[in-house]
C-alpha atoms as a PDB file:
ATOM      1  CA  MET A   1     -84.647 -23.490  16.461  1.00  0.00           C
ATOM      2  CA  ASP A   2     -84.782 -23.996  20.244  1.00  0.00           C
ATOM      3  CA  THR A   3     -86.320 -27.002  21.927  1.00  0.00           C
ATOM      4  CA  THR A   4     -89.961 -26.141  22.342  1.00  0.00           C
ATOM      5  CA  ILE A   5     -92.677 -28.595  23.179  1.00  0.00           C
ATOM      6  CA  ARG A   6     -95.649 -27.545  21.107  1.00  0.00           C
ATOM      7  CA  VAL A   7     -98.265 -29.051  18.835  1.00  0.00           C
ATOM      8  CA  ASP A   8     -96.517 -28.746  15.472  1.00  0.00           C
ATOM      9  CA  SER A   9     -96.911 -31.109  12.543  1.00  0.00           C
ATOM     10  CA  ALA A  10     -93.603 -29.814  11.124  1.00  0.00           C
ATOM     11  CA  VAL A  11     -91.675 -31.566  13.925  1.00  0.00           C
ATOM     12  CA  THR A  12     -91.400 -35.283  14.693  1.00  0.00           C
ATOM     13  CA  THR A  13     -90.360 -36.238  18.202  1.00  0.00           C
ATOM     14  CA  LEU A  14     -88.163 -39.243  18.915  1.00  0.00           C
ATOM     15  CA  ILE A  15     -88.387 -40.589  22.463  1.00  0.00           C
ATOM     16  CA  ASN A  16     -85.723 -42.991  23.751  1.00  0.00           C
ATOM     17  CA  ILE A  17     -86.048 -44.617  27.164  1.00  0.00           C
ATOM     18  CA  PHE A  18     -82.960 -46.264  28.652  1.00  0.00           C
ATOM     19  CA  THR A  19     -83.058 -48.480  31.742  1.00  0.00           C
ATOM     20  CA  VAL A  20     -79.659 -48.642  33.382  1.00  0.00           C
ATOM     21  CA  GLU A  21     -78.018 -49.656  36.644  1.00  0.00           C
ATOM     22  CA  PRO A  22     -77.284 -46.459  38.601  1.00  0.00           C
ATOM     23  CA  GLU A  23     -73.527 -47.081  38.553  1.00  0.00           C
ATOM     24  CA  ASN A  24     -73.597 -47.179  34.723  1.00  0.00           C
ATOM     25  CA  ARG A  25     -75.713 -44.045  34.301  1.00  0.00           C
ATOM     26  CA  PRO A  26     -72.772 -41.587  34.106  1.00  0.00           C
ATOM     27  CA  LYS A  27     -71.105 -43.695  31.371  1.00  0.00           C
ATOM     28  CA  LEU A  28     -74.380 -43.955  29.479  1.00  0.00           C
ATOM     29  CA  VAL A  29     -75.061 -40.224  29.667  1.00  0.00           C
ATOM     30  CA  GLU A  30     -71.520 -39.443  28.482  1.00  0.00           C
ATOM     31  CA  LEU A  31     -71.913 -41.844  25.546  1.00  0.00           C
ATOM     32  CA  LEU A  32     -75.290 -40.316  24.623  1.00  0.00           C
ATOM     33  CA  LYS A  33     -73.907 -36.795  24.945  1.00  0.00           C
ATOM     34  CA  SER A  34     -70.869 -37.601  22.802  1.00  0.00           C
ATOM     35  CA  SER A  35     -73.007 -39.159  20.080  1.00  0.00           C
ATOM     36  CA  THR A  36     -75.397 -36.212  20.118  1.00  0.00           C
ATOM     37  CA  GLU A  37     -72.615 -33.646  19.850  1.00  0.00           C
ATOM     38  CA  ASN A  38     -70.436 -35.500  17.332  1.00  0.00           C
ATOM     39  CA  THR A  39     -72.966 -37.282  15.111  1.00  0.00           C
ATOM     40  CA  MET A  40     -76.686 -36.635  15.644  1.00  0.00           C
ATOM     41  CA  SER A  41     -76.480 -32.845  15.693  1.00  0.00           C
ATOM     42  CA  LYS A  42     -74.754 -32.879  12.302  1.00  0.00           C
ATOM     43  CA  LEU A  43     -77.359 -35.020  10.538  1.00  0.00           C
ATOM     44  CA  PRO A  44     -79.984 -33.566   8.201  1.00  0.00           C
ATOM     45  CA  GLY A  45     -83.278 -32.854   9.927  1.00  0.00           C
ATOM     46  CA  TRP A  46     -81.987 -32.819  13.506  1.00  0.00           C
ATOM     47  CA  ILE A  47     -83.382 -29.919  15.560  1.00  0.00           C
ATOM     48  CA  SER A  48     -82.600 -30.554  19.232  1.00  0.00           C
ATOM     49  CA  THR A  49     -81.975 -33.179  21.887  1.00  0.00           C
ATOM     50  CA  SER A  50     -82.696 -33.055  25.624  1.00  0.00           C
ATOM     51  CA  PHE A  51     -81.796 -35.639  28.276  1.00  0.00           C
ATOM     52  CA  LEU A  52     -83.844 -36.310  31.396  1.00  0.00           C
ATOM     53  CA  ASP A  53     -82.505 -38.455  34.253  1.00  0.00           C
ATOM     54  CA  SER A  54     -84.882 -40.159  36.657  1.00  0.00           C
ATOM     55  CA  LYS A  55     -84.415 -39.272  40.314  1.00  0.00           C
ATOM     56  CA  ASP A  56     -83.644 -42.919  41.148  1.00  0.00           C
ATOM     57  CA  GLY A  57     -80.782 -43.011  38.606  1.00  0.00           C
ATOM     58  CA  ARG A  58     -82.238 -46.018  36.770  1.00  0.00           C
ATOM     59  CA  ARG A  59     -83.677 -44.367  33.675  1.00  0.00           C
ATOM     60  CA  VAL A  60     -82.574 -41.813  31.130  1.00  0.00           C
ATOM     61  CA  LEU A  61     -85.054 -40.366  28.661  1.00  0.00           C
ATOM     62  CA  ILE A  62     -84.107 -38.567  25.472  1.00  0.00           C
ATOM     63  CA  TYR A  63     -86.535 -36.109  23.915  1.00  0.00           C
ATOM     64  CA  SER A  64     -85.215 -35.406  20.434  1.00  0.00           C
ATOM     65  CA  GLN A  65     -86.840 -33.221  17.792  1.00  0.00           C
ATOM     66  CA  TRP A  66     -86.442 -33.888  14.064  1.00  0.00           C
ATOM     67  CA  ARG A  67     -87.923 -32.287  10.973  1.00  0.00           C
ATOM     68  CA  SER A  68     -89.509 -35.567   9.828  1.00  0.00           C
ATOM     69  CA  ALA A  69     -89.832 -39.292  10.401  1.00  0.00           C
ATOM     70  CA  LYS A  70     -87.761 -39.758   7.214  1.00  0.00           C
ATOM     71  CA  ASP A  71     -84.871 -37.901   8.856  1.00  0.00           C
ATOM     72  CA  ILE A  72     -85.107 -40.217  11.863  1.00  0.00           C
ATOM     73  CA  GLU A  73     -85.082 -43.270   9.608  1.00  0.00           C
ATOM     74  CA  ALA A  74     -82.030 -41.924   7.737  1.00  0.00           C
ATOM     75  CA  MET A  75     -80.260 -41.427  11.085  1.00  0.00           C
ATOM     76  CA  ARG A  76     -81.039 -45.025  12.046  1.00  0.00           C
ATOM     77  CA  GLN A  77     -79.544 -46.240   8.740  1.00  0.00           C
ATOM     78  CA  ASN A  78     -76.352 -44.220   9.249  1.00  0.00           C
ATOM     79  CA  PRO A  79     -73.344 -46.618   9.369  1.00  0.00           C
ATOM     80  CA  GLU A  80     -72.082 -44.964  12.578  1.00  0.00           C
ATOM     81  CA  MET A  81     -75.207 -46.068  14.442  1.00  0.00           C
ATOM     82  CA  GLY A  82     -74.360 -49.803  14.607  1.00  0.00           C
ATOM     83  CA  PRO A  83     -71.265 -49.516  16.833  1.00  0.00           C
ATOM     84  CA  TYR A  84     -72.936 -46.782  18.872  1.00  0.00           C
ATOM     85  CA  LEU A  85     -76.000 -48.941  19.573  1.00  0.00           C
ATOM     86  CA  GLN A  86     -73.767 -51.868  20.581  1.00  0.00           C
ATOM     87  CA  LYS A  87     -72.038 -49.662  23.167  1.00  0.00           C
ATOM     88  CA  ILE A  88     -75.402 -48.541  24.519  1.00  0.00           C
ATOM     89  CA  ALA A  89     -76.704 -52.134  24.667  1.00  0.00           C
ATOM     90  CA  ALA A  90     -73.705 -53.056  26.826  1.00  0.00           C
ATOM     91  CA  LEU A  91     -74.814 -50.455  29.396  1.00  0.00           C
ATOM     92  CA  ALA A  92     -78.610 -50.320  29.233  1.00  0.00           C
ATOM     93  CA  LYS A  93     -81.835 -51.727  27.880  1.00  0.00           C
ATOM     94  CA  PHE A  94     -83.649 -49.301  25.661  1.00  0.00           C
ATOM     95  CA  GLU A  95     -86.704 -48.655  23.572  1.00  0.00           C
ATOM     96  CA  ALA A  96     -87.492 -45.898  21.109  1.00  0.00           C
ATOM     97  CA  PHE A  97     -90.566 -44.548  19.425  1.00  0.00           C
ATOM     98  CA  THR A  98     -91.601 -41.550  17.359  1.00  0.00           C
ATOM     99  CA  ALA A  99     -94.410 -39.323  18.525  1.00  0.00           C
ATOM    100  CA  ASP A 100     -96.390 -36.231  17.679  1.00  0.00           C
ATOM    101  CA  VAL A 101     -97.138 -33.666  20.351  1.00  0.00           C
ATOM    102  CA  THR A 102    -100.916 -33.565  20.656  1.00  0.00           C
ATOM    103  CA  TYR A 103    -101.435 -31.273  23.653  1.00  0.00           C
ATOM    104  CA  VAL A 104     -99.425 -28.636  25.501  1.00  0.00           C
ATOM    105  CA  ARG A 105    -100.499 -26.130  28.106  1.00  0.00           C
ATOM    106  CA  HIS A 106     -98.122 -23.493  29.397  1.00  0.00           C
ATOM    107  CA  GLY A 107     -98.712 -21.462  32.518  1.00  0.00           C
END
């Protein structure tokens, strides 16, 4: 399944927002990319992950699609997540929340 933003109750969206000093952004993005390719993408329920960098270099947003909130919770409980989150915390402040797409309009 490709990344598609649409109203779909069969998909749960996980949003992560990272605030980072611009000089640490490349390291952060590489860490996020590595984790996505080597761990997240192999977990049950994962559909897709997209990164967005702010123009000022101070924020990175992850838009990640999962089959369910239970799959996201299982990912968070994965033993590999602890060391990964410590590495991220050394580079950036972050917050995460799950969301449902409630409106989309395509041109």
